[in-house]
N, C-alpha and C. Protein backbone atom coordinates (compact mmCIF):
# COMPACT_ATOMS: atom_id res chain seq x y z
N MET A 1 146.30 -79.97 125.18
CA MET A 1 145.07 -80.64 125.56
C MET A 1 144.47 -81.41 124.38
N TRP A 2 144.36 -80.75 123.22
CA TRP A 2 143.72 -81.42 122.09
C TRP A 2 144.58 -82.57 121.57
N GLN A 3 145.92 -82.48 121.75
CA GLN A 3 146.78 -83.57 121.33
C GLN A 3 146.55 -84.81 122.19
N GLU A 4 146.33 -84.61 123.46
CA GLU A 4 146.06 -85.73 124.36
C GLU A 4 144.74 -86.40 124.00
N ILE A 5 143.75 -85.61 123.62
CA ILE A 5 142.46 -86.16 123.22
C ILE A 5 142.62 -86.95 121.92
N ALA A 6 143.39 -86.43 120.98
CA ALA A 6 143.61 -87.12 119.71
C ALA A 6 144.35 -88.44 119.93
N VAL A 7 145.36 -88.43 120.79
CA VAL A 7 146.11 -89.66 121.09
C VAL A 7 145.21 -90.67 121.78
N ALA A 8 144.37 -90.22 122.70
CA ALA A 8 143.45 -91.12 123.41
C ALA A 8 142.45 -91.74 122.43
N CYS A 9 141.91 -90.94 121.52
CA CYS A 9 140.96 -91.47 120.52
C CYS A 9 141.65 -92.47 119.61
N THR A 10 142.86 -92.19 119.19
CA THR A 10 143.61 -93.11 118.34
C THR A 10 143.89 -94.41 119.08
N GLY A 11 144.28 -94.31 120.34
CA GLY A 11 144.55 -95.51 121.15
C GLY A 11 143.31 -96.36 121.34
N ILE A 12 142.20 -95.72 121.64
CA ILE A 12 140.95 -96.45 121.83
C ILE A 12 140.52 -97.14 120.54
N THR A 13 140.63 -96.43 119.42
CA THR A 13 140.28 -97.01 118.12
C THR A 13 141.17 -98.21 117.80
N THR A 14 142.46 -98.08 118.07
CA THR A 14 143.39 -99.18 117.82
C THR A 14 143.07 -100.39 118.68
N LEU A 15 142.79 -100.16 119.95
CA LEU A 15 142.44 -101.28 120.84
C LEU A 15 141.15 -101.97 120.41
N LEU A 16 140.16 -101.20 119.98
CA LEU A 16 138.91 -101.79 119.50
C LEU A 16 139.14 -102.63 118.24
N TYR A 17 139.96 -102.12 117.33
CA TYR A 17 140.25 -102.84 116.09
C TYR A 17 140.98 -104.15 116.37
N VAL A 18 141.99 -104.10 117.21
CA VAL A 18 142.75 -105.31 117.54
C VAL A 18 141.85 -106.30 118.28
N GLY A 19 141.04 -105.80 119.19
CA GLY A 19 140.10 -106.67 119.90
C GLY A 19 139.12 -107.35 118.96
N TRP A 20 138.62 -106.62 117.98
CA TRP A 20 137.69 -107.20 117.01
C TRP A 20 138.37 -108.28 116.17
N LYS A 21 139.61 -108.02 115.74
CA LYS A 21 140.34 -109.00 114.94
C LYS A 21 140.61 -110.28 115.75
N VAL A 22 140.99 -110.13 117.00
CA VAL A 22 141.23 -111.30 117.85
C VAL A 22 139.93 -112.07 118.06
N TYR A 23 138.85 -111.36 118.33
CA TYR A 23 137.55 -112.00 118.53
C TYR A 23 137.12 -112.76 117.27
N SER A 24 137.24 -112.13 116.10
CA SER A 24 136.82 -112.81 114.87
C SER A 24 137.73 -113.99 114.54
N PHE A 25 138.99 -113.94 114.94
CA PHE A 25 139.90 -115.07 114.72
C PHE A 25 139.51 -116.25 115.61
N ILE A 26 139.16 -115.98 116.84
CA ILE A 26 138.81 -117.04 117.79
C ILE A 26 137.44 -117.64 117.47
N VAL A 27 136.50 -116.83 117.05
CA VAL A 27 135.12 -117.27 116.84
C VAL A 27 134.91 -117.82 115.43
N ALA A 28 135.90 -117.78 114.56
CA ALA A 28 135.75 -118.25 113.18
C ALA A 28 135.25 -119.70 113.16
N PRO A 29 134.26 -120.00 112.33
CA PRO A 29 133.75 -121.36 112.23
C PRO A 29 134.85 -122.33 111.81
N LYS A 30 134.86 -123.49 112.41
CA LYS A 30 135.89 -124.48 112.12
C LYS A 30 135.81 -124.97 110.68
N SER A 31 134.60 -125.11 110.13
CA SER A 31 134.47 -125.60 108.76
C SER A 31 135.04 -124.61 107.76
N THR A 32 134.91 -123.32 108.03
CA THR A 32 135.45 -122.30 107.14
C THR A 32 136.97 -122.29 107.20
N ALA A 33 137.52 -122.56 108.38
CA ALA A 33 138.97 -122.53 108.54
C ALA A 33 139.64 -123.67 107.77
N SER A 34 138.96 -124.81 107.63
CA SER A 34 139.55 -125.93 106.93
C SER A 34 139.24 -125.93 105.43
N SER A 35 138.43 -125.00 105.00
CA SER A 35 138.04 -124.91 103.60
C SER A 35 139.16 -124.30 102.76
N PRO A 36 139.37 -124.80 101.54
CA PRO A 36 140.37 -124.18 100.69
C PRO A 36 140.00 -122.75 100.31
N CYS A 37 138.72 -122.43 100.37
CA CYS A 37 138.29 -121.07 100.05
C CYS A 37 138.42 -120.15 101.26
N GLY A 38 138.41 -120.68 102.45
CA GLY A 38 138.57 -119.89 103.65
C GLY A 38 137.50 -118.82 103.84
N GLY A 39 136.29 -119.06 103.36
CA GLY A 39 135.22 -118.09 103.50
C GLY A 39 135.15 -117.07 102.37
N CYS A 40 136.06 -117.13 101.43
CA CYS A 40 136.08 -116.19 100.33
C CYS A 40 134.92 -116.50 99.38
N THR A 41 134.25 -115.47 98.90
CA THR A 41 133.13 -115.69 97.99
C THR A 41 133.44 -115.23 96.57
N GLY A 42 134.61 -114.63 96.34
CA GLY A 42 134.86 -114.08 95.02
C GLY A 42 136.18 -114.46 94.40
N CYS A 43 136.92 -115.38 94.98
CA CYS A 43 138.22 -115.72 94.41
C CYS A 43 138.07 -116.67 93.23
N SER A 44 139.14 -116.81 92.46
CA SER A 44 139.09 -117.65 91.27
C SER A 44 138.93 -119.13 91.61
N LEU A 45 139.49 -119.57 92.74
CA LEU A 45 139.34 -120.97 93.15
C LEU A 45 137.87 -121.28 93.42
N HIS A 46 137.17 -120.38 94.07
CA HIS A 46 135.75 -120.59 94.37
C HIS A 46 134.95 -120.69 93.07
N HIS A 47 135.22 -119.80 92.14
CA HIS A 47 134.49 -119.83 90.87
C HIS A 47 134.81 -121.10 90.07
N GLU A 48 136.04 -121.55 90.11
CA GLU A 48 136.42 -122.76 89.40
C GLU A 48 135.73 -123.98 90.01
N LEU A 49 135.67 -124.05 91.32
CA LEU A 49 134.99 -125.17 91.97
C LEU A 49 133.50 -125.15 91.71
N LYS A 50 132.92 -123.94 91.60
CA LYS A 50 131.50 -123.83 91.27
C LYS A 50 131.24 -124.37 89.86
N LYS A 51 132.17 -124.08 88.93
CA LYS A 51 132.02 -124.56 87.56
C LYS A 51 132.06 -126.08 87.51
N GLN A 52 132.86 -126.68 88.38
CA GLN A 52 133.00 -128.13 88.42
C GLN A 52 131.92 -128.78 89.27
N LYS A 53 130.97 -127.97 89.79
CA LYS A 53 129.87 -128.44 90.62
C LYS A 53 130.35 -129.08 91.92
N LYS A 54 131.45 -128.56 92.46
CA LYS A 54 131.97 -129.03 93.73
C LYS A 54 131.84 -127.91 94.73
N SER A 55 131.84 -128.29 95.99
CA SER A 55 131.75 -127.29 97.05
C SER A 55 133.11 -127.08 97.68
N CYS A 56 133.39 -125.85 98.07
CA CYS A 56 134.64 -125.54 98.75
C CYS A 56 134.71 -126.19 100.13
N CYS A 57 133.58 -126.37 100.74
CA CYS A 57 133.53 -126.84 102.12
C CYS A 57 133.59 -128.36 102.21
N GLY A 58 133.59 -129.05 101.13
CA GLY A 58 133.69 -130.51 101.14
C GLY A 58 132.38 -131.20 101.44
N SER A 59 131.27 -130.47 101.37
CA SER A 59 129.98 -131.11 101.66
C SER A 59 129.23 -131.39 100.38
């Protein structure tokens, strides 16, 4: 009995996680998707572009 409950909880958690990832992939802003930074706030490319006074988003 407890094994079935554990498997059901694992399955539900997996489905929720996959659903969230699919939702966030579909709803991602178009401007972020075309950006070389891709929404990252801490990568070295972002910091280098900040030093050069340029924006990752092209604006």
